[in-house]
PDB file of N, CA and C in Angstrom:
ATOM      1  N   MET A   1     -14.617 -16.337  16.709  1.00  0.00           N
ATOM      2  CA  MET A   1     -14.678 -15.107  17.489  1.00  0.00           C
ATOM      3  C   MET A   1     -13.337 -14.389  17.410  1.00  0.00           C
ATOM      4  N   LYS A   2     -12.266 -15.156  17.455  1.00  0.00           N
ATOM      5  CA  LYS A   2     -10.925 -14.590  17.395  1.00  0.00           C
ATOM      6  C   LYS A   2     -10.700 -13.875  16.058  1.00  0.00           C
ATOM      7  N   ASN A   3     -11.214 -14.477  14.965  1.00  0.00           N
ATOM      8  CA  ASN A   3     -11.067 -13.885  13.636  1.00  0.00           C
ATOM      9  C   ASN A   3     -11.856 -12.584  13.509  1.00  0.00           C
ATOM     10  N   VAL A   4     -13.012 -12.507  14.136  1.00  0.00           N
ATOM     11  CA  VAL A   4     -13.821 -11.290  14.087  1.00  0.00           C
ATOM     12  C   VAL A   4     -13.072 -10.144  14.764  1.00  0.00           C
ATOM     13  N   GLY A   5     -12.470 -10.418  15.897  1.00  0.00           N
ATOM     14  CA  GLY A   5     -11.685  -9.400  16.602  1.00  0.00           C
ATOM     15  C   GLY A   5     -10.513  -8.925  15.763  1.00  0.00           C
ATOM     16  N   LEU A   6      -9.848  -9.865  15.094  1.00  0.00           N
ATOM     17  CA  LEU A   6      -8.729  -9.512  14.231  1.00  0.00           C
ATOM     18  C   LEU A   6      -9.199  -8.661  13.065  1.00  0.00           C
ATOM     19  N   LEU A   7     -10.332  -9.011  12.453  1.00  0.00           N
ATOM     20  CA  LEU A   7     -10.872  -8.235  11.344  1.00  0.00           C
ATOM     21  C   LEU A   7     -11.256  -6.826  11.785  1.00  0.00           C
ATOM     22  N   ILE A   8     -11.836  -6.705  12.958  1.00  0.00           N
ATOM     23  CA  ILE A   8     -12.203  -5.381  13.479  1.00  0.00           C
ATOM     24  C   ILE A   8     -10.939  -4.555  13.717  1.00  0.00           C
ATOM     25  N   PHE A   9      -9.914  -5.168  14.295  1.00  0.00           N
ATOM     26  CA  PHE A   9      -8.646  -4.471  14.528  1.00  0.00           C
ATOM     27  C   PHE A   9      -8.043  -3.991  13.211  1.00  0.00           C
ATOM     28  N   ILE A  10      -8.032  -4.835  12.198  1.00  0.00           N
ATOM     29  CA  ILE A  10      -7.470  -4.478  10.893  1.00  0.00           C
ATOM     30  C   ILE A  10      -8.271  -3.338  10.271  1.00  0.00           C
ATOM     31  N   ALA A  11      -9.600  -3.404  10.351  1.00  0.00           N
ATOM     32  CA  ALA A  11     -10.440  -2.351   9.788  1.00  0.00           C
ATOM     33  C   ALA A  11     -10.180  -1.016  10.475  1.00  0.00           C
ATOM     34  N   ILE A  12     -10.061  -1.037  11.785  1.00  0.00           N
ATOM     35  CA  ILE A  12      -9.784   0.199  12.529  1.00  0.00           C
ATOM     36  C   ILE A  12      -8.406   0.738  12.163  1.00  0.00           C
ATOM     37  N   ALA A  13      -7.439  -0.140  12.057  1.00  0.00           N
ATOM     38  CA  ALA A  13      -6.080   0.291  11.696  1.00  0.00           C
ATOM     39  C   ALA A  13      -6.054   0.911  10.308  1.00  0.00           C
ATOM     40  N   ILE A  14      -6.749   0.312   9.363  1.00  0.00           N
ATOM     41  CA  ILE A  14      -6.808   0.859   8.001  1.00  0.00           C
ATOM     42  C   ILE A  14      -7.492   2.216   8.022  1.00  0.00           C
ATOM     43  N   PHE A  15      -8.573   2.350   8.739  1.00  0.00           N
ATOM     44  CA  PHE A  15      -9.281   3.623   8.820  1.00  0.00           C
ATOM     45  C   PHE A  15      -8.401   4.683   9.471  1.00  0.00           C
ATOM     46  N   TYR A  16      -7.773   4.337  10.588  1.00  0.00           N
ATOM     47  CA  TYR A  16      -6.953   5.296  11.325  1.00  0.00           C
ATOM     48  C   TYR A  16      -5.747   5.741  10.516  1.00  0.00           C
ATOM     49  N   PHE A  17      -5.008   4.800   9.994  1.00  0.00           N
ATOM     50  CA  PHE A  17      -3.788   5.141   9.273  1.00  0.00           C
ATOM     51  C   PHE A  17      -4.064   5.598   7.847  1.00  0.00           C
ATOM     52  N   GLY A  18      -5.251   5.324   7.344  1.00  0.00           N
ATOM     53  CA  GLY A  18      -5.586   5.732   5.984  1.00  0.00           C
ATOM     54  C   GLY A  18      -6.191   7.115   5.891  1.00  0.00           C
ATOM     55  N   SER A  19      -6.664   7.677   7.000  1.00  0.00           N
ATOM     56  CA  SER A  19      -7.293   8.994   6.941  1.00  0.00           C
ATOM     57  C   SER A  19      -6.236  10.062   6.753  1.00  0.00           C
ATOM     58  N   CYS A  20      -6.511  10.976   5.861  1.00  0.00           N
ATOM     59  CA  CYS A  20      -5.623  12.104   5.564  1.00  0.00           C
ATOM     60  C   CYS A  20      -4.221  11.650   5.162  1.00  0.00           C
ATOM     61  N   THR A  21      -4.091  10.477   4.556  1.00  0.00           N
ATOM     62  CA  THR A  21      -2.760  10.007   4.195  1.00  0.00           C
ATOM     63  C   THR A  21      -2.110  10.911   3.179  1.00  0.00           C
ATOM     64  N   LYS A  22      -2.876  11.489   2.284  1.00  0.00           N
ATOM     65  CA  LYS A  22      -2.304  12.389   1.295  1.00  0.00           C
ATOM     66  C   LYS A  22      -1.688  13.593   1.995  1.00  0.00           C
ATOM     67  N   ASP A  23      -2.338  14.066   3.066  1.00  0.00           N
ATOM     68  CA  ASP A  23      -1.841  15.221   3.792  1.00  0.00           C
ATOM     69  C   ASP A  23      -0.583  14.899   4.580  1.00  0.00           C
ATOM     70  N   LYS A  24      -0.389  13.658   4.957  1.00  0.00           N
ATOM     71  CA  LYS A  24       0.771  13.286   5.759  1.00  0.00           C
ATOM     72  C   LYS A  24       2.019  13.136   4.897  1.00  0.00           C
ATOM     73  N   MET A  25       1.852  13.127   3.609  1.00  0.00           N
ATOM     74  CA  MET A  25       2.982  12.949   2.721  1.00  0.00           C
ATOM     75  C   MET A  25       3.660  14.289   2.480  1.00  0.00           C
ATOM     76  N   PRO A  26       4.893  14.465   2.957  1.00  0.00           N
ATOM     77  CA  PRO A  26       5.587  15.728   2.696  1.00  0.00           C
ATOM     78  C   PRO A  26       5.988  15.823   1.235  1.00  0.00           C
ATOM     79  N   VAL A  27       6.258  17.032   0.800  1.00  0.00           N
ATOM     80  CA  VAL A  27       6.742  17.215  -0.556  1.00  0.00           C
ATOM     81  C   VAL A  27       8.080  16.505  -0.673  1.00  0.00           C
ATOM     82  N   PRO A  28       8.267  15.741  -1.733  1.00  0.00           N
ATOM     83  CA  PRO A  28       9.537  15.034  -1.891  1.00  0.00           C
ATOM     84  C   PRO A  28      10.704  16.025  -1.919  1.00  0.00           C
ATOM     85  N   PRO A  29      11.870  15.619  -1.415  1.00  0.00           N
ATOM     86  CA  PRO A  29      13.005  16.533  -1.381  1.00  0.00           C
ATOM     87  C   PRO A  29      13.441  16.990  -2.771  1.00  0.00           C
ATOM     88  N   ASP A  30      13.133  16.218  -3.795  1.00  0.00           N
ATOM     89  CA  ASP A  30      13.508  16.580  -5.154  1.00  0.00           C
ATOM     90  C   ASP A  30      12.382  17.318  -5.885  1.00  0.00           C
ATOM     91  N   CYS A  31      11.467  17.911  -5.136  1.00  0.00           N
ATOM     92  CA  CYS A  31      10.338  18.629  -5.720  1.00  0.00           C
ATOM     93  C   CYS A  31      10.847  19.759  -6.613  1.00  0.00           C
ATOM     94  N   ILE A  32      10.244  19.892  -7.772  1.00  0.00           N
ATOM     95  CA  ILE A  32      10.614  20.933  -8.723  1.00  0.00           C
ATOM     96  C   ILE A  32       9.418  21.843  -8.937  1.00  0.00           C
ATOM     97  N   GLN A  33       9.617  23.143  -8.742  1.00  0.00           N
ATOM     98  CA  GLN A  33       8.531  24.097  -8.925  1.00  0.00           C
ATOM     99  C   GLN A  33       8.092  24.070 -10.380  1.00  0.00           C
ATOM    100  N   ALA A  34       6.806  23.819 -10.598  1.00  0.00           N
ATOM    101  CA  ALA A  34       6.283  23.652 -11.944  1.00  0.00           C
ATOM    102  C   ALA A  34       5.906  24.967 -12.618  1.00  0.00           C
ATOM    103  N   ASP A  35       5.497  25.964 -11.840  1.00  0.00           N
ATOM    104  CA  ASP A  35       5.074  27.219 -12.448  1.00  0.00           C
ATOM    105  C   ASP A  35       5.244  28.376 -11.477  1.00  0.00           C
ATOM    106  N   THR A  36       4.997  29.570 -11.961  1.00  0.00           N
ATOM    107  CA  THR A  36       5.135  30.764 -11.128  1.00  0.00           C
ATOM    108  C   THR A  36       3.784  31.338 -10.731  1.00  0.00           C
ATOM    109  N   LEU A  37       2.703  30.667 -11.087  1.00  0.00           N
ATOM    110  CA  LEU A  37       1.364  31.162 -10.757  1.00  0.00           C
ATOM    111  C   LEU A  37       0.885  30.719  -9.388  1.00  0.00           C
ATOM    112  N   ASN A  38       1.178  29.494  -9.025  1.00  0.00           N
ATOM    113  CA  ASN A  38       0.693  28.934  -7.766  1.00  0.00           C
ATOM    114  C   ASN A  38       1.725  29.139  -6.667  1.00  0.00           C
ATOM    115  N   THR A  39       1.764  30.361  -6.161  1.00  0.00           N
ATOM    116  CA  THR A  39       2.715  30.719  -5.125  1.00  0.00           C
ATOM    117  C   THR A  39       1.956  31.212  -3.899  1.00  0.00           C
ATOM    118  N   TYR A  40       2.663  31.311  -2.802  1.00  0.00           N
ATOM    119  CA  TYR A  40       2.065  31.837  -1.576  1.00  0.00           C
ATOM    120  C   TYR A  40       1.562  33.267  -1.812  1.00  0.00           C
ATOM    121  N   THR A  41       2.403  34.107  -2.383  1.00  0.00           N
ATOM    122  CA  THR A  41       2.072  35.515  -2.572  1.00  0.00           C
ATOM    123  C   THR A  41       0.904  35.707  -3.537  1.00  0.00           C
ATOM    124  N   LYS A  42       0.891  34.966  -4.628  1.00  0.00           N
ATOM    125  CA  LYS A  42      -0.123  35.170  -5.671  1.00  0.00           C
ATOM    126  C   LYS A  42      -1.442  34.463  -5.405  1.00  0.00           C
ATOM    127  N   SER A  43      -1.419  33.317  -4.729  1.00  0.00           N
ATOM    128  CA  SER A  43      -2.679  32.576  -4.628  1.00  0.00           C
ATOM    129  C   SER A  43      -3.073  32.108  -3.233  1.00  0.00           C
ATOM    130  N   VAL A  44      -2.159  32.063  -2.280  1.00  0.00           N
ATOM    131  CA  VAL A  44      -2.479  31.466  -0.984  1.00  0.00           C
ATOM    132  C   VAL A  44      -2.626  32.480   0.142  1.00  0.00           C
ATOM    133  N   LYS A  45      -1.786  33.490   0.175  1.00  0.00           N
ATOM    134  CA  LYS A  45      -1.777  34.443   1.288  1.00  0.00           C
ATOM    135  C   LYS A  45      -3.149  35.059   1.542  1.00  0.00           C
ATOM    136  N   ALA A  46      -3.814  35.528   0.507  1.00  0.00           N
ATOM    137  CA  ALA A  46      -5.129  36.162   0.684  1.00  0.00           C
ATOM    138  C   ALA A  46      -6.148  35.175   1.254  1.00  0.00           C
ATOM    139  N   ILE A  47      -6.083  33.929   0.831  1.00  0.00           N
ATOM    140  CA  ILE A  47      -7.018  32.915   1.340  1.00  0.00           C
ATOM    141  C   ILE A  47      -6.765  32.675   2.827  1.00  0.00           C
ATOM    142  N   LEU A  48      -5.510  32.465   3.192  1.00  0.00           N
ATOM    143  CA  LEU A  48      -5.186  32.209   4.598  1.00  0.00           C
ATOM    144  C   LEU A  48      -5.493  33.437   5.453  1.00  0.00           C
ATOM    145  N   ASP A  49      -5.199  34.623   4.938  1.00  0.00           N
ATOM    146  CA  ASP A  49      -5.512  35.851   5.689  1.00  0.00           C
ATOM    147  C   ASP A  49      -7.014  35.975   5.944  1.00  0.00           C
ATOM    148  N   ASN A  50      -7.822  35.671   4.942  1.00  0.00           N
ATOM    149  CA  ASN A  50      -9.288  35.818   5.068  1.00  0.00           C
ATOM    150  C   ASN A  50      -9.943  34.685   5.839  1.00  0.00           C
ATOM    151  N   GLN A  51      -9.416  33.480   5.719  1.00  0.00           N
ATOM    152  CA  GLN A  51     -10.080  32.312   6.289  1.00  0.00           C
ATOM    153  C   GLN A  51      -9.468  31.821   7.609  1.00  0.00           C
ATOM    154  N   CYS A  52      -8.174  32.109   7.820  1.00  0.00           N
ATOM    155  CA  CYS A  52      -7.475  31.423   8.915  1.00  0.00           C
ATOM    156  C   CYS A  52      -6.722  32.336   9.880  1.00  0.00           C
ATOM    157  N   ALA A  53      -6.052  33.330   9.361  1.00  0.00           N
ATOM    158  CA  ALA A  53      -5.106  34.109  10.164  1.00  0.00           C
ATOM    159  C   ALA A  53      -5.735  35.328  10.814  1.00  0.00           C
ATOM    160  N   SER A  54      -6.925  35.175  11.318  1.00  0.00           N
ATOM    161  CA  SER A  54      -7.600  36.292  11.984  1.00  0.00           C
ATOM    162  C   SER A  54      -7.398  36.187  13.489  1.00  0.00           C
ATOM    163  N   SER A  55      -7.700  37.255  14.173  1.00  0.00           N
ATOM    164  CA  SER A  55      -7.557  37.294  15.621  1.00  0.00           C
ATOM    165  C   SER A  55      -8.424  36.219  16.265  1.00  0.00           C
ATOM    166  N   GLY A  56      -7.862  35.479  17.174  1.00  0.00           N
ATOM    167  CA  GLY A  56      -8.586  34.398  17.836  1.00  0.00           C
ATOM    168  C   GLY A  56      -8.412  33.068  17.137  1.00  0.00           C
ATOM    169  N   CYS A  57      -7.764  33.077  15.996  1.00  0.00           N
ATOM    170  CA  CYS A  57      -7.561  31.824  15.263  1.00  0.00           C
ATOM    171  C   CYS A  57      -6.067  31.559  15.068  1.00  0.00           C
ATOM    172  N   HIS A  58      -5.569  31.775  13.870  1.00  0.00           N
ATOM    173  CA  HIS A  58      -4.193  31.386  13.566  1.00  0.00           C
ATOM    174  C   HIS A  58      -3.295  32.565  13.212  1.00  0.00           C
ATOM    175  N   ASP A  59      -3.504  33.700  13.882  1.00  0.00           N
ATOM    176  CA  ASP A  59      -2.554  34.801  13.742  1.00  0.00           C
ATOM    177  C   ASP A  59      -1.434  34.584  14.768  1.00  0.00           C
ATOM    178  N   ALA A  60      -0.371  35.367  14.663  1.00  0.00           N
ATOM    179  CA  ALA A  60       0.784  35.174  15.553  1.00  0.00           C
ATOM    180  C   ALA A  60       0.436  35.398  17.019  1.00  0.00           C
ATOM    181  N   ALA A  61      -0.473  36.341  17.294  1.00  0.00           N
ATOM    182  CA  ALA A  61      -0.823  36.650  18.680  1.00  0.00           C
ATOM    183  C   ALA A  61      -1.625  35.527  19.336  1.00  0.00           C
ATOM    184  N   THR A  62      -2.461  34.861  18.566  1.00  0.00           N
ATOM    185  CA  THR A  62      -3.344  33.840  19.118  1.00  0.00           C
ATOM    186  C   THR A  62      -2.779  32.435  18.942  1.00  0.00           C
ATOM    187  N   ALA A  63      -2.369  32.107  17.736  1.00  0.00           N
ATOM    188  CA  ALA A  63      -1.764  30.816  17.402  1.00  0.00           C
ATOM    189  C   ALA A  63      -2.544  29.636  17.968  1.00  0.00           C
ATOM    190  N   SER A  64      -3.814  29.559  17.629  1.00  0.00           N
ATOM    191  CA  SER A  64      -4.639  28.447  18.074  1.00  0.00           C
ATOM    192  C   SER A  64      -3.979  27.120  17.685  1.00  0.00           C
ATOM    193  N   SER A  65      -3.897  26.207  18.622  1.00  0.00           N
ATOM    194  CA  SER A  65      -3.232  24.902  18.448  1.00  0.00           C
ATOM    195  C   SER A  65      -1.783  25.057  17.996  1.00  0.00           C
ATOM    196  N   ASN A  66      -1.183  26.187  18.337  1.00  0.00           N
ATOM    197  CA  ASN A  66       0.212  26.493  17.956  1.00  0.00           C
ATOM    198  C   ASN A  66       0.415  26.538  16.449  1.00  0.00           C
ATOM    199  N   VAL A  67      -0.641  26.839  15.703  1.00  0.00           N
ATOM    200  CA  VAL A  67      -0.549  26.962  14.251  1.00  0.00           C
ATOM    201  C   VAL A  67      -0.676  28.446  13.906  1.00  0.00           C
ATOM    202  N   ILE A  68       0.341  28.977  13.234  1.00  0.00           N
ATOM    203  CA  ILE A  68       0.348  30.366  12.793  1.00  0.00           C
ATOM    204  C   ILE A  68       0.305  30.374  11.268  1.00  0.00           C
ATOM    205  N   LEU A  69      -0.643  31.136  10.722  1.00  0.00           N
ATOM    206  CA  LEU A  69      -0.808  31.173   9.270  1.00  0.00           C
ATOM    207  C   LEU A  69      -0.833  32.600   8.721  1.00  0.00           C
ATOM    208  N   ASP A  70      -0.164  33.529   9.406  1.00  0.00           N
ATOM    209  CA  ASP A  70      -0.233  34.915   8.940  1.00  0.00           C
ATOM    210  C   ASP A  70       1.014  35.386   8.196  1.00  0.00           C
ATOM    211  N   ASP A  71       1.958  34.476   7.933  1.00  0.00           N
ATOM    212  CA  ASP A  71       3.099  34.834   7.103  1.00  0.00           C
ATOM    213  C   ASP A  71       3.623  33.583   6.401  1.00  0.00           C
ATOM    214  N   PHE A  72       4.519  33.795   5.451  1.00  0.00           N
ATOM    215  CA  PHE A  72       5.013  32.683   4.645  1.00  0.00           C
ATOM    216  C   PHE A  72       5.743  31.615   5.458  1.00  0.00           C
ATOM    217  N   PRO A  73       6.747  31.974   6.275  1.00  0.00           N
ATOM    218  CA  PRO A  73       7.482  30.909   6.973  1.00  0.00           C
ATOM    219  C   PRO A  73       6.591  30.021   7.842  1.00  0.00           C
ATOM    220  N   HIS A  74       5.668  30.640   8.567  1.00  0.00           N
ATOM    221  CA  HIS A  74       4.777  29.846   9.422  1.00  0.00           C
ATOM    222  C   HIS A  74       3.788  29.020   8.596  1.00  0.00           C
ATOM    223  N   SER A  75       3.270  29.608   7.528  1.00  0.00           N
ATOM    224  CA  SER A  75       2.287  28.896   6.698  1.00  0.00           C
ATOM    225  C   SER A  75       2.897  27.687   6.018  1.00  0.00           C
ATOM    226  N   VAL A  76       4.073  27.857   5.441  1.00  0.00           N
ATOM    227  CA  VAL A  76       4.709  26.733   4.764  1.00  0.00           C
ATOM    228  C   VAL A  76       5.103  25.662   5.776  1.00  0.00           C
ATOM    229  N   SER A  77       5.542  26.071   6.952  1.00  0.00           N
ATOM    230  CA  SER A  77       5.879  25.100   7.986  1.00  0.00           C
ATOM    231  C   SER A  77       4.648  24.299   8.409  1.00  0.00           C
ATOM    232  N   ALA A  78       3.533  24.991   8.617  1.00  0.00           N
ATOM    233  CA  ALA A  78       2.296  24.296   9.004  1.00  0.00           C
ATOM    234  C   ALA A  78       1.838  23.339   7.913  1.00  0.00           C
ATOM    235  N   ALA A  79       1.892  23.795   6.665  1.00  0.00           N
ATOM    236  CA  ALA A  79       1.443  22.950   5.552  1.00  0.00           C
ATOM    237  C   ALA A  79       2.311  21.712   5.396  1.00  0.00           C
ATOM    238  N   LYS A  80       3.601  21.858   5.654  1.00  0.00           N
ATOM    239  CA  LYS A  80       4.522  20.726   5.485  1.00  0.00           C
ATOM    240  C   LYS A  80       4.517  19.770   6.671  1.00  0.00           C
ATOM    241  N   THR A  81       4.304  20.285   7.881  1.00  0.00           N
ATOM    242  CA  THR A  81       4.490  19.443   9.059  1.00  0.00           C
ATOM    243  C   THR A  81       3.215  19.073   9.801  1.00  0.00           C
ATOM    244  N   ASN A  82       2.154  19.843   9.635  1.00  0.00           N
ATOM    245  CA  ASN A  82       0.919  19.558  10.358  1.00  0.00           C
ATOM    246  C   ASN A  82       0.128  18.516   9.576  1.00  0.00           C
ATOM    247  N   THR A  83       0.002  17.336  10.140  1.00  0.00           N
ATOM    248  CA  THR A  83      -0.642  16.229   9.432  1.00  0.00           C
ATOM    249  C   THR A  83      -2.107  16.487   9.122  1.00  0.00           C
ATOM    250  N   LYS A  84      -2.718  17.434   9.801  1.00  0.00           N
ATOM    251  CA  LYS A  84      -4.138  17.712   9.571  1.00  0.00           C
ATOM    252  C   LYS A  84      -4.369  18.988   8.761  1.00  0.00           C
ATOM    253  N   PHE A  85      -3.313  19.599   8.257  1.00  0.00           N
ATOM    254  CA  PHE A  85      -3.435  20.894   7.591  1.00  0.00           C
ATOM    255  C   PHE A  85      -4.524  20.900   6.514  1.00  0.00           C
ATOM    256  N   PHE A  86      -4.559  19.905   5.655  1.00  0.00           N
ATOM    257  CA  PHE A  86      -5.529  19.891   4.568  1.00  0.00           C
ATOM    258  C   PHE A  86      -6.848  19.236   4.962  1.00  0.00           C
ATOM    259  N   CYS A  87      -6.810  18.157   5.708  1.00  0.00           N
ATOM    260  CA  CYS A  87      -8.060  17.445   5.989  1.00  0.00           C
ATOM    261  C   CYS A  87      -9.003  18.242   6.888  1.00  0.00           C
ATOM    262  N   VAL A  88      -8.481  19.137   7.752  1.00  0.00           N
ATOM    263  CA  VAL A  88      -9.394  19.951   8.568  1.00  0.00           C
ATOM    264  C   VAL A  88     -10.162  20.935   7.698  1.00  0.00           C
ATOM    265  N   MET A  89      -9.532  21.404   6.611  1.00  0.00           N
ATOM    266  CA  MET A  89     -10.220  22.331   5.698  1.00  0.00           C
ATOM    267  C   MET A  89     -11.193  21.601   4.782  1.00  0.00           C
ATOM    268  N   GLU A  90     -10.955  20.322   4.555  1.00  0.00           N
ATOM    269  CA  GLU A  90     -11.845  19.509   3.721  1.00  0.00           C
ATOM    270  C   GLU A  90     -12.996  18.913   4.530  1.00  0.00           C
ATOM    271  N   PHE A  91     -12.937  19.046   5.859  1.00  0.00           N
ATOM    272  CA  PHE A  91     -13.905  18.463   6.785  1.00  0.00           C
ATOM    273  C   PHE A  91     -13.842  16.938   6.773  1.00  0.00           C
ATOM    274  N   THR A  92     -12.674  16.364   6.448  1.00  0.00           N
ATOM    275  CA  THR A  92     -12.533  14.908   6.469  1.00  0.00           C
ATOM    276  C   THR A  92     -11.875  14.419   7.751  1.00  0.00           C
ATOM    277  N   CYS A  93     -11.446  15.350   8.612  1.00  0.00           N
ATOM    278  CA  CYS A  93     -10.973  15.020   9.945  1.00  0.00           C
ATOM    279  C   CYS A  93     -11.352  16.182  10.859  1.00  0.00           C
ATOM    280  N   THR A  94     -11.182  16.010  12.144  1.00  0.00           N
ATOM    281  CA  THR A  94     -11.581  17.058  13.072  1.00  0.00           C
ATOM    282  C   THR A  94     -10.350  17.677  13.718  1.00  0.00           C
ATOM    283  N   PRO A  95     -10.454  18.906  14.187  1.00  0.00           N
ATOM    284  CA  PRO A  95     -11.609  19.792  14.129  1.00  0.00           C
ATOM    285  C   PRO A  95     -11.775  20.354  12.723  1.00  0.00           C
ATOM    286  N   HIS A  96     -12.980  20.766  12.392  1.00  0.00           N
ATOM    287  CA  HIS A  96     -13.237  21.353  11.082  1.00  0.00           C
ATOM    288  C   HIS A  96     -12.778  22.801  11.068  1.00  0.00           C
ATOM    289  N   MET A  97     -12.185  23.202   9.956  1.00  0.00           N
ATOM    290  CA  MET A  97     -11.741  24.583   9.798  1.00  0.00           C
ATOM    291  C   MET A  97     -12.290  25.140   8.493  1.00  0.00           C
ATOM    292  N   PRO A  98     -12.669  26.360   8.438  1.00  0.00           N
ATOM    293  CA  PRO A  98     -12.655  27.322   9.531  1.00  0.00           C
ATOM    294  C   PRO A  98     -13.663  26.939  10.609  1.00  0.00           C
ATOM    295  N   GLN A  99     -13.242  27.120  11.839  1.00  0.00           N
ATOM    296  CA  GLN A  99     -14.054  26.731  12.981  1.00  0.00           C
ATOM    297  C   GLN A  99     -15.338  27.557  13.023  1.00  0.00           C
ATOM    298  N   GLY A 100     -16.427  26.897  13.361  1.00  0.00           N
ATOM    299  CA  GLY A 100     -17.713  27.573  13.458  1.00  0.00           C
ATOM    300  C   GLY A 100     -18.481  27.631  12.146  1.00  0.00           C
ATOM    301  N   PHE A 101     -17.888  27.142  11.052  1.00  0.00           N
ATOM    302  CA  PHE A 101     -18.566  27.142   9.771  1.00  0.00           C
ATOM    303  C   PHE A 101     -19.177  25.765   9.529  1.00  0.00           C
ATOM    304  N   ALA A 102     -20.289  25.732   8.836  1.00  0.00           N
ATOM    305  CA  ALA A 102     -20.976  24.473   8.584  1.00  0.00           C
ATOM    306  C   ALA A 102     -20.417  23.740   7.372  1.00  0.00           C
ATOM    307  N   THR A 103     -19.667  24.453   6.536  1.00  0.00           N
ATOM    308  CA  THR A 103     -19.109  23.850   5.324  1.00  0.00           C
ATOM    309  C   THR A 103     -17.629  24.205   5.210  1.00  0.00           C
ATOM    310  N   PRO A 104     -16.900  23.399   4.465  1.00  0.00           N
ATOM    311  CA  PRO A 104     -15.476  23.690   4.271  1.00  0.00           C
ATOM    312  C   PRO A 104     -15.280  24.993   3.491  1.00  0.00           C
ATOM    313  N   ILE A 105     -14.033  25.454   3.444  1.00  0.00           N
ATOM    314  CA  ILE A 105     -13.763  26.630   2.620  1.00  0.00           C
ATOM    315  C   ILE A 105     -14.091  26.290   1.177  1.00  0.00           C
ATOM    316  N   ASP A 106     -14.269  27.308   0.386  1.00  0.00           N
ATOM    317  CA  ASP A 106     -14.631  27.139  -1.014  1.00  0.00           C
ATOM    318  C   ASP A 106     -13.658  26.182  -1.713  1.00  0.00           C
ATOM    319  N   THR A 107     -14.191  25.323  -2.550  1.00  0.00           N
ATOM    320  CA  THR A 107     -13.375  24.328  -3.248  1.00  0.00           C
ATOM    321  C   THR A 107     -12.265  24.975  -4.058  1.00  0.00           C
ATOM    322  N   SER A 108     -12.555  26.091  -4.703  1.00  0.00           N
ATOM    323  CA  SER A 108     -11.521  26.744  -5.509  1.00  0.00           C
ATOM    324  C   SER A 108     -10.381  27.253  -4.629  1.00  0.00           C
ATOM    325  N   GLU A 109     -10.715  27.724  -3.416  1.00  0.00           N
ATOM    326  CA  GLU A 109      -9.677  28.183  -2.495  1.00  0.00           C
ATOM    327  C   GLU A 109      -8.851  27.008  -1.972  1.00  0.00           C
ATOM    328  N   LEU A 110      -9.519  25.933  -1.614  1.00  0.00           N
ATOM    329  CA  LEU A 110      -8.807  24.746  -1.147  1.00  0.00           C
ATOM    330  C   LEU A 110      -7.911  24.196  -2.254  1.00  0.00           C
ATOM    331  N   ASN A 111      -8.419  24.187  -3.480  1.00  0.00           N
ATOM    332  CA  ASN A 111      -7.608  23.712  -4.605  1.00  0.00           C
ATOM    333  C   ASN A 111      -6.397  24.605  -4.850  1.00  0.00           C
ATOM    334  N   ALA A 112      -6.549  25.905  -4.633  1.00  0.00           N
ATOM    335  CA  ALA A 112      -5.411  26.819  -4.785  1.00  0.00           C
ATOM    336  C   ALA A 112      -4.324  26.487  -3.768  1.00  0.00           C
ATOM    337  N   ILE A 113      -4.728  26.187  -2.544  1.00  0.00           N
ATOM    338  CA  ILE A 113      -3.749  25.830  -1.509  1.00  0.00           C
ATOM    339  C   ILE A 113      -3.076  24.501  -1.860  1.00  0.00           C
ATOM    340  N   LYS A 114      -3.834  23.561  -2.380  1.00  0.00           N
ATOM    341  CA  LYS A 114      -3.260  22.277  -2.785  1.00  0.00           C
ATOM    342  C   LYS A 114      -2.314  22.438  -3.979  1.00  0.00           C
ATOM    343  N   ARG A 115      -2.655  23.329  -4.925  1.00  0.00           N
ATOM    344  CA  ARG A 115      -1.755  23.576  -6.053  1.00  0.00           C
ATOM    345  C   ARG A 115      -0.442  24.189  -5.563  1.00  0.00           C
ATOM    346  N   TRP A 116      -0.515  25.044  -4.544  1.00  0.00           N
ATOM    347  CA  TRP A 116       0.686  25.625  -3.938  1.00  0.00           C
ATOM    348  C   TRP A 116       1.550  24.503  -3.371  1.00  0.00           C
ATOM    349  N   ARG A 117       0.923  23.562  -2.659  1.00  0.00           N
ATOM    350  CA  ARG A 117       1.646  22.404  -2.123  1.00  0.00           C
ATOM    351  C   ARG A 117       2.286  21.603  -3.259  1.00  0.00           C
ATOM    352  N   ASP A 118       1.506  21.307  -4.272  1.00  0.00           N
ATOM    353  CA  ASP A 118       1.986  20.510  -5.387  1.00  0.00           C
ATOM    354  C   ASP A 118       3.078  21.226  -6.187  1.00  0.00           C
ATOM    355  N   ASN A 119       3.137  22.545  -6.041  1.00  0.00           N
ATOM    356  CA  ASN A 119       4.130  23.376  -6.720  1.00  0.00           C
ATOM    357  C   ASN A 119       5.349  23.627  -5.824  1.00  0.00           C
ATOM    358  N   CYS A 120       5.500  22.867  -4.758  1.00  0.00           N
ATOM    359  CA  CYS A 120       6.665  22.894  -3.858  1.00  0.00           C
ATOM    360  C   CYS A 120       6.662  24.082  -2.899  1.00  0.00           C
ATOM    361  N   TYR A 121       5.511  24.649  -2.598  1.00  0.00           N
ATOM    362  CA  TYR A 121       5.378  25.729  -1.611  1.00  0.00           C
ATOM    363  C   TYR A 121       6.228  26.968  -1.927  1.00  0.00           C
ATOM    364  N   PRO A 122       6.198  27.488  -3.139  1.00  0.00           N
ATOM    365  CA  PRO A 122       7.014  28.674  -3.417  1.00  0.00           C
ATOM    366  C   PRO A 122       6.441  29.939  -2.789  1.00  0.00           C
ATOM    367  N   LEU A 123       7.316  30.893  -2.528  1.00  0.00           N
ATOM    368  CA  LEU A 123       6.895  32.184  -1.989  1.00  0.00           C
ATOM    369  C   LEU A 123       6.199  32.969  -3.075  1.00  0.00           C
TER     370      LEU A 123
END
């Protein structure tokens, strides 16, 4: 019985600490920008403006959950420090974003945001 409890504890710990682990990993300090295509201005701003930074959600006036996504400094800060930034858009953790939608944002849009992350969050 004691072993079953230990196994359940280990399984819960693995599930809890393993969820969104990729999102919890900050960009390494020695990150090198790989290209000039995957930038906030060229590929991310329009997505965040259309999907996230609207009134009542993540604009500066509303700042739902204290997350602001309507400009570069706030967006890069949220992406780097908010442990749920990516998994809420993938629907792999809660709350799901965009809120009120039955499916995650388009895969190509989510991939563009991830490429921006992988490209060291350039402006």
